[in-house]
Structures are given as C-alpha cells and as structure tokens.
Amino acid sequence: MPKCYVYILRSLIKDFIYIGSTNKLDRRLLEHNSGLVQSTKAYRPFKIVAYIAVQTERRARELEKYFKTGSGKAILKKRIIADEVTRSET
C-alpha cells in the first residue's frame, strides 16, 4: 500500500497551484483550508486536483521537488492537470 502522496491543490479564488507531499491527504487539505500553512494562507480555499501515491516519503519528496521545477511544472500542467488548467482559463 502507498504510504505517501504528492498532491496538487488549486485555489478556488485565485490563479494559484500548490504542490506538496504528505502521508495523510485529508488532514493536509484541511490544514491548507484552515489557514495553518503560511505559504498558502492567502489563496484558500483549495481543492485537490490530482495526487500521486508512492511507497516512500523519500520518493514523494523527490517527485514534489521535480514538479516544482520548470520542466516538472510543464509536465504537470500538460499531462496531469491539463483539464483543470483548461477549465480555469476559459
């Protein structure tokens, strides 16, 4: 069973995407939406638009770090959350 997740959040009020990793997806979304995460506080509320389940925390952190790079963001937007990006731009 997967133990960790890389997740992608989209702000419901602003054009903002957040990428993170956690071992408890529901709890982490609640923390973001409750304003407990300083880096996302101004952009709440959020919805999860995608997540990737992996076996280890190390792999989750590696993927999170990659998706935060220029090429990682391009892959993310083109292949993983393409429908979400298109919907928000129209």
C-alpha atoms as a PDB file:
ATOM      1  CA  MET A   1       0.000   0.000   0.000  1.00  0.00           C
ATOM      2  CA  PRO A   2       1.172   3.519  -0.728  1.00  0.00           C
ATOM      3  CA  LYS A   3       2.357   5.415   2.300  1.00  0.00           C
ATOM      4  CA  CYS A   4       2.864   8.909   0.891  1.00  0.00           C
ATOM      5  CA  TYR A   5       1.279  11.224  -1.614  1.00  0.00           C
ATOM      6  CA  VAL A   6       2.361  14.083  -3.820  1.00  0.00           C
ATOM      7  CA  TYR A   7      -0.639  16.342  -4.180  1.00  0.00           C
ATOM      8  CA  ILE A   8      -1.624  19.292  -6.334  1.00  0.00           C
ATOM      9  CA  LEU A   9      -4.006  21.898  -4.969  1.00  0.00           C
ATOM     10  CA  ARG A  10      -5.804  24.595  -6.915  1.00  0.00           C
ATOM     11  CA  SER A  11      -7.071  27.739  -5.249  1.00  0.00           C
ATOM     12  CA  LEU A  12     -10.787  28.276  -5.746  1.00  0.00           C
ATOM     13  CA  ILE A  13     -10.426  32.077  -5.668  1.00  0.00           C
ATOM     14  CA  LYS A  14      -7.084  32.896  -7.338  1.00  0.00           C
ATOM     15  CA  ASP A  15      -4.908  31.544 -10.135  1.00  0.00           C
ATOM     16  CA  PHE A  16      -2.629  29.535  -7.864  1.00  0.00           C
ATOM     17  CA  ILE A  17      -1.448  25.923  -7.809  1.00  0.00           C
ATOM     18  CA  TYR A  18       0.367  24.383  -4.856  1.00  0.00           C
ATOM     19  CA  ILE A  19       2.408  21.163  -4.899  1.00  0.00           C
ATOM     20  CA  GLY A  20       3.182  19.288  -1.703  1.00  0.00           C
ATOM     21  CA  SER A  21       3.654  15.869  -0.167  1.00  0.00           C
ATOM     22  CA  THR A  22       2.142  14.168   2.858  1.00  0.00           C
ATOM     23  CA  ASN A  23       1.263  10.827   4.384  1.00  0.00           C
ATOM     24  CA  LYS A  24      -2.308  11.960   5.233  1.00  0.00           C
ATOM     25  CA  LEU A  25      -4.019  13.629   2.310  1.00  0.00           C
ATOM     26  CA  ASP A  26      -7.311  14.574   4.004  1.00  0.00           C
ATOM     27  CA  ARG A  27      -5.573  16.072   7.025  1.00  0.00           C
ATOM     28  CA  ARG A  28      -3.206  18.104   4.849  1.00  0.00           C
ATOM     29  CA  LEU A  29      -6.041  19.570   2.763  1.00  0.00           C
ATOM     30  CA  LEU A  30      -7.800  20.560   5.988  1.00  0.00           C
ATOM     31  CA  GLU A  31      -4.605  22.284   7.210  1.00  0.00           C
ATOM     32  CA  HIS A  32      -4.337  24.273   3.962  1.00  0.00           C
ATOM     33  CA  ASN A  33      -8.005  25.271   4.017  1.00  0.00           C
ATOM     34  CA  SER A  34      -7.882  26.197   7.705  1.00  0.00           C
ATOM     35  CA  GLY A  35      -5.056  28.672   7.128  1.00  0.00           C
ATOM     36  CA  LEU A  36      -2.475  26.675   9.061  1.00  0.00           C
ATOM     37  CA  VAL A  37       0.021  26.672   6.149  1.00  0.00           C
ATOM     38  CA  GLN A  38       1.667  30.081   5.853  1.00  0.00           C
ATOM     39  CA  SER A  39       2.615  29.732   2.174  1.00  0.00           C
ATOM     40  CA  THR A  40      -0.968  29.031   1.065  1.00  0.00           C
ATOM     41  CA  LYS A  41      -2.975  31.017   3.591  1.00  0.00           C
ATOM     42  CA  ALA A  42      -3.756  33.907   1.203  1.00  0.00           C
ATOM     43  CA  TYR A  43      -5.020  31.581  -1.548  1.00  0.00           C
ATOM     44  CA  ARG A  44      -7.558  29.449   0.301  1.00  0.00           C
ATOM     45  CA  PRO A  45      -9.879  27.659  -0.114  1.00  0.00           C
ATOM     46  CA  PHE A  46      -8.366  24.827  -2.137  1.00  0.00           C
ATOM     47  CA  LYS A  47      -9.423  21.656  -3.840  1.00  0.00           C
ATOM     48  CA  ILE A  48      -7.227  18.684  -4.665  1.00  0.00           C
ATOM     49  CA  VAL A  49      -6.955  18.421  -8.444  1.00  0.00           C
ATOM     50  CA  ALA A  50      -4.559  15.453  -8.531  1.00  0.00           C
ATOM     51  CA  TYR A  51      -2.414  13.256  -6.358  1.00  0.00           C
ATOM     52  CA  ILE A  52       0.155  10.529  -6.878  1.00  0.00           C
ATOM     53  CA  ALA A  53       0.522   7.706  -4.365  1.00  0.00           C
ATOM     54  CA  VAL A  54       4.030   6.360  -3.766  1.00  0.00           C
ATOM     55  CA  GLN A  55       5.612   3.821  -1.440  1.00  0.00           C
ATOM     56  CA  THR A  56       8.097   6.014   0.433  1.00  0.00           C
ATOM     57  CA  GLU A  57       8.405   9.510   1.831  1.00  0.00           C
ATOM     58  CA  ARG A  58      11.716   9.863   0.009  1.00  0.00           C
ATOM     59  CA  ARG A  59      10.085   9.207  -3.375  1.00  0.00           C
ATOM     60  CA  ALA A  60       7.255  11.621  -2.550  1.00  0.00           C
ATOM     61  CA  ARG A  61       9.767  14.378  -1.728  1.00  0.00           C
ATOM     62  CA  GLU A  62      11.713  13.672  -4.933  1.00  0.00           C
ATOM     63  CA  LEU A  63       8.544  13.964  -7.038  1.00  0.00           C
ATOM     64  CA  GLU A  64       7.421  17.087  -5.192  1.00  0.00           C
ATOM     65  CA  LYS A  65      10.794  18.702  -5.823  1.00  0.00           C
ATOM     66  CA  TYR A  66      10.672  17.732  -9.511  1.00  0.00           C
ATOM     67  CA  PHE A  67       7.140  19.081 -10.036  1.00  0.00           C
ATOM     68  CA  LYS A  68       8.293  22.417  -8.622  1.00  0.00           C
ATOM     69  CA  THR A  69      10.935  22.808 -11.363  1.00  0.00           C
ATOM     70  CA  GLY A  70      10.222  24.441 -14.720  1.00  0.00           C
ATOM     71  CA  SER A  71      10.127  21.164 -16.639  1.00  0.00           C
ATOM     72  CA  GLY A  72       8.185  19.462 -13.850  1.00  0.00           C
ATOM     73  CA  LYS A  73       5.527  22.186 -13.893  1.00  0.00           C
ATOM     74  CA  ALA A  74       5.269  21.874 -17.681  1.00  0.00           C
ATOM     75  CA  ILE A  75       4.699  18.105 -17.449  1.00  0.00           C
ATOM     76  CA  LEU A  76       2.266  18.583 -14.595  1.00  0.00           C
ATOM     77  CA  LYS A  77       0.183  21.132 -16.491  1.00  0.00           C
ATOM     78  CA  LYS A  78       0.327  19.315 -19.820  1.00  0.00           C
ATOM     79  CA  ARG A  79      -0.152  15.706 -18.700  1.00  0.00           C
ATOM     80  CA  ILE A  80      -1.588  15.531 -15.199  1.00  0.00           C
ATOM     81  CA  ILE A  81      -3.821  18.550 -14.632  1.00  0.00           C
ATOM     82  CA  ALA A  82      -4.445  19.591 -18.236  1.00  0.00           C
ATOM     83  CA  ASP A  83      -8.239  19.540 -17.852  1.00  0.00           C
ATOM     84  CA  GLU A  84      -8.060  21.666 -14.698  1.00  0.00           C
ATOM     85  CA  VAL A  85      -5.830  24.274 -16.355  1.00  0.00           C
ATOM     86  CA  THR A  86      -8.076  24.472 -19.418  1.00  0.00           C
ATOM     87  CA  ARG A  87     -11.220  24.879 -17.305  1.00  0.00           C
ATOM     88  CA  SER A  88      -9.739  27.698 -15.228  1.00  0.00           C
ATOM     89  CA  GLU A  89      -8.527  29.617 -18.278  1.00  0.00           C
ATOM     90  CA  THR A  90     -11.922  29.736 -20.005  1.00  0.00           C
END
